Protein backbone atom coordinates (compact mmCIF):
# COMPACT_ATOMS: atom_id res chain seq x y z
CA ALA A 1 -33.50 16.23 -25.63
CA TYR A 2 -32.00 13.40 -27.64
CA ILE A 3 -31.77 10.19 -25.97
CA ASN A 4 -30.57 6.94 -28.42
CA ALA A 5 -32.20 4.01 -27.53
CA VAL A 6 -30.45 1.25 -27.53
CA THR A 7 -29.98 -1.61 -29.86
CA ALA A 8 -31.71 -4.76 -29.81
CA LYS A 9 -30.70 -8.01 -31.80
CA ALA A 10 -33.69 -8.24 -34.05
CA SER A 11 -36.45 -11.49 -33.83
CA SER A 12 -39.68 -11.96 -35.47
CA MET A 13 -41.51 -10.19 -32.85
CA LEU A 14 -40.08 -7.39 -30.91
CA PRO A 15 -41.28 -6.06 -27.74
CA THR A 16 -42.61 -2.04 -27.46
CA LEU A 17 -39.74 0.18 -26.56
CA SER A 18 -40.93 2.42 -23.91
CA LEU A 19 -38.78 5.61 -22.89
CA SER A 20 -40.27 7.84 -19.63
CA VAL A 21 -38.90 10.86 -18.10
CA PHE A 22 -38.91 11.95 -14.65
CA CYS A 23 -38.22 15.73 -13.15
CA LYS A 24 -38.24 15.37 -9.35
CA GLU A 25 -39.34 11.91 -9.16
CA LYS A 26 -42.35 12.84 -11.25
CA LYS A 27 -42.76 11.56 -14.81
CA ILE A 28 -43.27 14.62 -16.84
CA LYS A 29 -42.43 12.27 -20.15
CA GLN A 30 -43.36 9.00 -21.70
CA GLN A 31 -42.75 7.64 -25.14
CA GLN A 32 -43.64 3.98 -27.09
CA ILE A 33 -41.99 3.12 -30.53
CA SER A 34 -42.16 -0.50 -32.06
CA LEU A 35 -38.70 -0.60 -33.33
CA PRO A 36 -38.41 -1.74 -36.92
CA TYR A 37 -37.61 -5.35 -37.79
CA SER A 38 -35.16 -6.24 -40.28
CA ASP A 39 -33.06 -9.60 -40.54
CA GLN A 40 -30.03 -7.90 -41.92
CA SER A 41 -29.12 -5.58 -39.12
CA GLU A 42 -29.85 -4.55 -35.70
CA PRO A 43 -32.97 -1.83 -35.30
CA SER A 44 -31.82 1.43 -33.35
CA VAL A 45 -34.35 4.45 -32.89
CA SER A 46 -33.47 8.21 -31.90
CA ILE A 47 -36.53 10.03 -29.84
CA SER A 48 -36.68 13.57 -29.32
CA PHE A 49 -38.76 15.51 -26.80
CA SER A 50 -39.34 18.67 -25.76
CA ILE A 51 -39.53 19.81 -22.43
CA SER A 52 -41.81 22.49 -21.14
CA GLU A 53 -40.80 25.59 -19.25
CA GLU A 54 -42.80 24.38 -16.32
CA PHE A 55 -40.10 21.39 -16.22
CA PHE A 56 -37.29 23.27 -17.54
CA HIS A 57 -34.18 23.05 -15.28
CA ALA A 58 -30.28 23.83 -16.10
CA TRP A 59 -27.50 22.52 -14.98
CA SER A 60 -24.75 23.92 -13.01
CA PRO A 61 -22.23 24.07 -10.56
CA GLU A 62 -24.44 25.94 -8.67
CA ASN A 63 -27.96 24.27 -9.66
CA PRO A 64 -26.62 20.31 -10.72
CA PHE A 65 -30.09 19.43 -11.82
CA LEU A 66 -30.13 15.91 -13.41
CA TYR A 67 -33.32 14.13 -14.94
CA ASP A 68 -33.75 11.04 -14.62
CA VAL A 69 -35.16 8.59 -17.76
CA GLU A 70 -35.74 4.76 -17.74
CA VAL A 71 -36.25 2.87 -20.83
CA THR A 72 -37.71 -0.39 -20.79
CA PHE A 73 -37.91 -3.40 -23.77
CA GLY A 74 -39.57 -6.35 -23.15
CA GLN A 75 -37.89 -7.77 -19.52
CA ASP A 76 -35.18 -5.40 -20.20
CA ARG A 77 -34.89 -1.78 -17.89
CA ILE A 78 -31.75 0.23 -18.25
CA LYS A 79 -31.83 3.86 -15.71
CA SER A 80 -30.42 6.62 -16.44
CA TYR A 81 -30.11 10.15 -16.75
CA PHE A 82 -29.22 13.69 -18.59
CA ALA A 83 -29.20 17.32 -18.25
CA MET A 84 -29.89 20.63 -19.72
CA ARG A 85 -26.94 22.84 -20.09
CA CYS A 86 -24.85 24.91 -22.37
CA TYR A 87 -21.14 25.81 -23.11
CA SER A 88 -20.21 28.44 -25.21
CA ILE A 89 -18.04 31.56 -25.96
CA GLU A 90 -20.09 35.10 -26.42
CA LYS A 91 -19.47 38.55 -26.18
CA PRO A 92 -22.10 39.37 -23.08
CA ASN A 93 -24.81 41.47 -23.91
CA GLY A 94 -25.07 44.81 -22.68
CA THR A 95 -21.48 45.61 -22.25
CA GLN A 96 -19.23 47.69 -23.58
CA SER A 97 -16.51 44.86 -23.55
CA GLU A 98 -15.68 43.50 -27.33
CA ILE A 99 -14.15 40.41 -24.97
CA PRO A 100 -15.41 37.05 -25.86
CA VAL A 101 -16.13 35.07 -22.53
CA PHE A 102 -16.72 31.99 -21.29
CA CYS A 103 -20.54 31.28 -20.72
CA LEU A 104 -22.59 28.59 -18.95
CA ASN A 105 -26.33 28.42 -20.40
CA HIS A 106 -26.24 32.04 -22.20
CA LYS A 107 -24.97 33.52 -19.28
CA PRO A 108 -20.76 34.53 -18.31
CA TYR A 109 -19.59 32.25 -16.04
CA PHE A 110 -15.72 32.31 -14.91
CA LEU A 111 -14.11 28.82 -14.40
CA MET A 112 -12.53 28.38 -11.05
CA GLY A 113 -10.26 25.58 -11.76
CA VAL A 114 -8.09 22.93 -10.25
CA LEU A 115 -5.65 20.50 -12.11
CA ASP A 116 -6.46 17.03 -10.76
CA GLN A 117 -4.10 13.99 -11.98
CA GLY A 118 -6.20 11.48 -10.34
CA TYR A 119 -2.91 10.15 -8.33
CA TRP A 120 -3.08 7.61 -5.34
CA PRO A 121 0.03 6.60 -3.35
CA ASP A 122 -1.53 2.96 -3.23
CA GLY A 123 -3.56 2.45 -6.74
CA LEU A 124 -1.36 4.90 -8.48
CA TYR A 125 -3.67 5.59 -11.38
CA THR A 126 -6.59 3.87 -9.42
CA ALA A 127 -8.39 5.38 -6.62
CA PRO A 128 -8.67 3.22 -3.01
CA SER A 129 -12.07 2.92 -3.44
CA GLU A 130 -15.69 5.27 -4.15
CA GLU A 131 -15.41 7.69 -0.97
CA ALA A 132 -11.90 8.94 -2.29
CA LEU A 133 -13.19 10.35 -5.42
CA LEU A 134 -15.69 11.54 -3.49
CA TYR A 135 -13.39 12.77 -0.59
CA ASP A 136 -11.31 15.27 -3.84
CA ILE A 137 -13.98 16.31 -5.76
CA THR A 138 -16.24 17.58 -2.59
CA THR A 139 -13.41 18.67 -1.27
CA MET A 140 -12.44 21.23 -4.02
CA LYS A 141 -16.12 22.51 -4.26
CA SER A 142 -15.80 22.97 -0.66
CA MET A 143 -12.67 25.20 -1.27
CA GLY A 144 -14.72 27.37 -4.04
CA PHE A 145 -13.78 25.45 -7.55
CA ASN A 146 -16.27 25.15 -9.81
CA MET A 147 -13.93 23.24 -12.14
CA LEU A 148 -11.70 20.19 -11.99
CA ARG A 149 -9.37 19.56 -15.25
CA LYS A 150 -8.48 15.83 -15.29
CA HIS A 151 -4.74 15.96 -16.62
CA ILE A 152 -3.95 13.55 -19.44
CA LYS A 153 -6.38 10.91 -17.76
CA VAL A 154 -9.61 9.29 -18.58
CA GLU A 155 -11.26 8.49 -15.22
CA CYS A 156 -13.65 5.72 -14.37
CA ALA A 157 -17.55 6.52 -14.96
CA ARG A 158 -17.83 6.96 -10.93
CA TRP A 159 -16.11 9.58 -11.15
CA TYR A 160 -17.72 11.76 -13.99
CA TYR A 161 -20.91 10.52 -12.71
CA HIS A 162 -20.10 12.28 -9.38
CA CYS A 163 -19.09 15.48 -10.90
CA ASP A 164 -22.59 15.49 -12.52
CA ARG A 165 -24.35 15.16 -9.96
CA LEU A 166 -22.20 17.33 -7.06
CA GLY A 167 -21.72 20.23 -10.12
CA LEU A 168 -18.04 20.03 -11.33
CA ILE A 169 -17.34 21.27 -15.01
CA VAL A 170 -14.72 18.89 -16.25
CA CYS A 171 -12.10 20.09 -18.72
CA GLN A 172 -10.80 17.08 -20.03
CA ASP A 173 -7.66 16.24 -21.07
CA MET A 174 -6.65 13.53 -24.22
CA VAL A 175 -3.95 11.14 -23.11
CA ASN A 176 -0.94 12.49 -24.75
CA GLY A 177 1.68 10.98 -26.97
CA GLY A 178 4.63 11.21 -28.91
CA SER A 179 8.35 9.82 -29.01
CA CYS A 180 10.75 10.92 -26.44
CA TYR A 181 10.08 14.60 -26.23
CA HIS A 182 12.75 17.50 -26.43
CA MET A 183 13.03 19.34 -23.84
CA PRO A 184 14.53 22.51 -25.55
CA VAL A 185 11.73 23.19 -27.94
CA ILE A 186 8.54 22.09 -25.43
CA SER A 187 10.09 23.43 -22.42
CA TYR A 188 12.79 25.92 -22.16
CA LEU A 189 11.77 27.70 -25.31
CA PRO A 190 7.64 28.50 -24.21
CA THR A 191 9.12 29.71 -21.04
CA LEU A 192 12.42 31.72 -21.51
CA CYS A 193 10.57 33.25 -25.21
CA PRO A 194 6.75 32.37 -25.37
CA SER A 195 6.66 34.87 -27.92
CA LEU A 196 8.65 33.11 -30.29
CA ALA A 197 7.72 30.39 -28.83
CA ALA A 198 4.28 31.14 -30.23
CA HIS A 199 5.28 31.09 -33.62
CA LEU A 200 6.16 27.37 -33.86
CA LYS A 201 3.96 25.70 -36.46
CA ASP A 202 2.98 22.01 -35.66
CA SER A 203 3.85 20.58 -38.52
CA HIS A 204 7.35 20.14 -37.72
CA TYR A 205 6.77 16.01 -36.80
CA LEU A 206 10.40 15.95 -35.84
CA LEU A 207 10.63 18.72 -32.80
CA LEU A 208 7.39 17.79 -31.00
CA SER A 209 8.34 14.36 -31.47
CA ARG A 210 5.49 12.74 -33.95
CA LYS A 211 7.18 11.44 -36.12
CA ASP A 212 6.26 8.09 -36.56
CA GLU A 213 3.07 8.36 -38.87
CA ASN A 214 1.51 4.97 -37.66
CA ALA A 215 1.36 6.77 -34.02
CA ARG A 216 -0.01 10.17 -35.31
CA ARG A 217 -2.66 7.63 -36.67
CA GLN A 218 -3.40 5.29 -33.37
CA TRP A 219 -3.28 8.82 -31.20
CA GLU A 220 -5.97 10.61 -33.47
CA LYS A 221 -8.25 7.27 -33.14
CA GLU A 222 -8.18 7.00 -29.60
CA CYS A 223 -9.08 10.61 -28.96
CA LEU A 224 -11.98 10.05 -31.05
CA GLU A 225 -12.69 7.10 -28.98
CA THR A 226 -12.11 8.90 -25.77
CA VAL A 227 -14.66 11.60 -27.03
CA GLU A 228 -17.42 9.00 -28.01
CA HIS A 229 -16.62 7.27 -24.67
CA LEU A 230 -17.53 10.11 -22.12
CA LYS A 231 -18.97 12.56 -24.24
CA PHE A 232 -22.36 10.99 -22.31
CA PHE A 233 -21.32 12.95 -19.27
CA PRO A 234 -22.84 16.36 -19.18
CA SER A 235 -20.52 17.91 -16.59
CA ILE A 236 -17.75 17.59 -19.28
CA GLY A 237 -17.50 20.97 -20.93
CA ILE A 238 -14.12 21.38 -22.54
CA TRP A 239 -12.17 18.83 -24.78
CA VAL A 240 -8.18 19.26 -24.41
CA PRO A 241 -6.40 17.46 -27.09
CA PHE A 242 -2.89 18.76 -26.35
CA ASN A 243 -0.94 19.85 -23.20
CA GLU A 244 2.39 21.79 -23.89
CA GLY A 245 3.11 20.47 -27.04
CA TRP A 246 3.69 17.15 -25.80
CA GLY A 247 3.22 14.83 -29.03
CA GLN A 248 1.46 17.95 -30.61
CA PHE A 249 0.57 17.81 -34.46
CA ASP A 250 -2.14 18.56 -37.10
CA THR A 251 -3.83 20.90 -33.85
CA VAL A 252 -6.27 22.54 -36.62
CA ARG A 253 -7.35 19.02 -38.49
CA ILE A 254 -7.86 17.08 -34.90
CA THR A 255 -9.89 20.07 -33.40
CA ASN A 256 -12.23 20.38 -36.36
CA LEU A 257 -12.64 16.10 -36.12
CA ILE A 258 -13.30 16.40 -32.28
CA LYS A 259 -16.05 19.32 -33.23
CA ALA A 260 -17.53 17.32 -35.42
CA ALA A 261 -17.78 14.13 -32.99
CA ASP A 262 -18.99 16.44 -30.30
CA PRO A 263 -20.27 19.60 -31.50
CA SER A 264 -21.75 20.61 -28.28
CA ARG A 265 -18.47 21.26 -26.33
CA LEU A 266 -15.52 23.62 -26.67
CA ILE A 267 -12.11 22.85 -27.19
CA ASP A 268 -8.66 23.65 -25.44
CA SER A 269 -7.08 23.31 -28.72
CA ALA A 270 -3.26 23.78 -27.50
CA SER A 271 -3.38 24.14 -23.62
CA GLY A 272 -0.09 26.00 -22.43
CA TRP A 273 1.65 26.96 -25.51
CA PHE A 274 1.99 26.29 -29.58
CA ASP A 275 -1.02 28.09 -30.17
CA GLN A 276 -2.43 27.58 -33.52
CA ASN A 277 -4.88 29.78 -34.10
CA CYS A 278 -7.86 27.57 -33.64
CA GLY A 279 -10.57 26.48 -30.54
CA ASP A 280 -12.56 28.51 -28.20
CA PHE A 281 -9.60 29.33 -26.51
CA ILE A 282 -6.19 31.37 -26.17
CA SER A 283 -4.62 29.03 -23.72
CA VAL A 284 -1.94 30.48 -21.18
CA HIS A 285 0.34 28.22 -18.70
CA ASN A 286 2.37 30.69 -16.50
CA TYR A 287 4.13 29.77 -13.48
CA PHE A 288 7.01 32.53 -13.47
CA ARG A 289 5.92 35.78 -14.66
CA PRO A 290 2.82 38.21 -12.89
CA LEU A 291 -0.37 36.70 -14.34
CA SER A 292 -1.83 39.07 -16.63
CA VAL A 293 -3.98 39.10 -20.11
CA SER A 294 -3.20 40.12 -23.36
CA VAL A 295 -4.74 43.50 -24.31
CA LYS A 296 -5.56 42.44 -28.14
CA LYS A 297 -8.16 41.62 -29.59
CA TRP A 298 -9.20 37.65 -29.84
CA ALA A 299 -11.43 37.49 -32.15
CA ASN A 300 -14.25 35.06 -30.86
CA ARG A 301 -11.66 33.15 -28.59
CA ALA A 302 -12.22 33.42 -24.68
CA PHE A 303 -8.43 33.79 -23.11
CA PHE A 304 -7.79 31.12 -20.13
CA LEU A 305 -5.17 30.73 -18.00
CA SER A 306 -5.27 27.10 -17.91
CA GLU A 307 -2.25 26.26 -15.15
CA TYR A 308 -0.88 28.71 -13.39
CA GLY A 309 0.32 29.08 -9.56
CA GLY A 310 1.99 25.50 -8.19
CA PHE A 311 2.95 26.25 -4.63
CA ALA A 312 5.48 23.68 -2.95
CA CYS A 313 5.05 23.03 0.27
CA HIS A 314 6.65 20.31 1.70
CA ILE A 315 4.20 18.18 4.34
CA LYS A 316 7.18 15.63 6.31
CA ASP A 317 5.62 11.91 6.64
CA HIS A 318 2.55 12.57 4.26
CA SER A 319 4.74 12.36 0.67
CA SER A 320 6.03 9.56 -1.75
CA VAL A 321 9.68 10.59 -1.87
CA LYS A 322 11.97 12.97 -0.30
CA ARG A 323 12.37 15.24 -3.88
CA ILE A 324 10.47 18.54 -3.83
CA PHE A 325 9.35 20.08 -7.27
CA GLY A 326 6.81 22.90 -7.20
CA TYR A 327 7.77 26.41 -8.75
CA LYS A 328 7.52 28.40 -5.41
CA ARG A 329 8.41 26.93 -2.33
CA TYR A 330 7.12 27.47 1.25
CA ASP A 331 8.23 25.55 4.12
CA THR A 332 5.49 26.48 6.59
CA LEU A 333 1.64 26.11 6.17
CA PRO A 334 0.69 29.77 7.41
CA ASP A 335 3.29 30.59 4.66
CA PHE A 336 1.71 28.60 1.87
CA GLU A 337 -1.71 29.27 2.80
CA LYS A 338 -0.88 33.49 2.73
CA ALA A 339 0.87 33.31 -0.91
CA TYR A 340 -2.46 30.87 -1.91
CA HIS A 341 -4.43 33.77 -0.72
CA GLU A 342 -2.42 36.55 -2.02
CA LEU A 343 -2.30 35.29 -5.47
CA ILE A 344 -5.99 34.50 -5.95
CA GLU A 345 -6.89 38.03 -4.40
CA LYS A 346 -4.57 40.38 -5.92
CA SER A 347 -3.45 38.61 -8.90
CA LEU A 348 -5.74 36.32 -10.20
CA MET A 349 -9.62 37.79 -9.43
CA PRO A 350 -8.42 41.21 -11.01
CA LEU A 351 -7.89 39.57 -14.70
CA ARG A 352 -11.56 38.84 -14.80
CA ALA A 353 -12.43 42.56 -15.52
CA GLN A 354 -9.58 42.06 -18.28
CA GLY A 355 -11.51 39.26 -20.00
CA LEU A 356 -10.16 36.70 -18.75
CA SER A 357 -12.71 33.59 -18.74
CA GLY A 358 -10.83 31.12 -16.12
CA ALA A 359 -7.55 30.13 -14.60
CA VAL A 360 -6.31 26.38 -13.59
CA TYR A 361 -4.45 26.23 -10.11
CA THR A 362 -2.15 23.72 -10.38
CA GLN A 363 -3.41 21.11 -8.61
CA LEU A 364 -5.12 19.27 -6.15
CA SER A 365 -2.97 16.92 -4.57
CA ASP A 366 0.67 15.98 -4.10
CA VAL A 367 1.68 13.73 -6.65
CA GLU A 368 5.33 11.90 -5.91
CA GLU A 369 7.85 14.63 -6.15
CA GLU A 370 5.73 17.45 -6.81
CA VAL A 371 4.58 18.66 -3.77
CA ASN A 372 2.63 21.34 -4.78
CA GLY A 373 -1.25 20.16 -4.36
CA LEU A 374 -3.73 21.71 -2.06
CA LEU A 375 -3.76 18.33 -0.14
CA SER A 376 -0.89 16.13 0.29
CA TYR A 377 -0.12 12.62 -1.54
CA ASP A 378 -1.90 10.60 1.21
CA ARG A 379 -4.46 12.75 1.55
CA LYS A 380 -4.32 13.18 5.06
CA VAL A 381 -3.66 17.07 5.15
CA ASN A 382 -5.59 20.17 3.69
CA LYS A 383 -2.93 22.49 3.25
CA LEU A 384 -5.17 25.65 3.65
CA SER A 385 -6.85 24.02 6.98
CA GLY A 386 -3.93 21.93 8.12
CA LYS A 387 -6.64 19.35 8.66
CA SER A 388 -6.79 15.42 7.86
CA PRO A 389 -9.71 14.85 6.67
CA ASP A 390 -10.80 13.06 10.21
């Protein structure tokens, strides 16, 4: 494990920096180091240490173990934490399968995910309270999900902290950009002719609304800033630079930039369509066809159903607007619940044997006219139980 010590402005007499690591409140490591004095720059130091097998605990959704850290520097004291985990794409050992799959700590791990846009009826992109953040996380985990795909939004730090400590892997989207989207290109074409859309190159800046060179540079800068801002949260396992071609450009180069900035995580380079043969996943959105896994060999990338489902069920007096959007509509909660369980049990789960590494159901909650959530927009109705959180 590596801890980057905080930098402090140099003075003629620098105090000693001390780092302590705790495992279940037991101090297992302590190191002290004197920072080098320099009147030209702010001193910094990297500290490395090993953890013995006796105190080793791998992080997972089933066991979200966190080590506590305390750093002191003079009268300043900082407390933090870290986790030990590894995300990778591997071919399972001891099997006849030649298909690579997502692995957590070097073991095949199926990502049962749900799309989370993080909208709220009163604050829009701002949750009304920390309890509200916790309700979404704990409810999804209780419903059998082990991953949340944070969709086109950077959440507040408390949200990632709760995913760290409660045990939910995060698939983190970048905020997409671009000018006015050309719907025939980014929506109708991949929906009606996915095989044809698969051949579209993202060097066609005009088609993908990325003609503005300055805007491309700005997005690239903010993408890397997002990685730098969030990379300290161990629950984040996957970066998603582009979704459904929204402002997509130079995907291979962008993927390499993200990988260089953070080699410890995986990258879903093009979620949905317009795959550019890079990243760690073949990523597909499927709302209109029977769920399936491509039978072709795909080298070292795992197959990821990064969006599916989207069943709509409008709950009177619990929606934001009267408009209804969803990919299949159900008028009653029993019909909705039956359709959802049949989709999971009969269509999705059998695909694991064919190499499916993970799937993201759309979506956690209703979002304005999108009434395809598992929860109502106001979070007062769980559509799979018909119950309010009270």
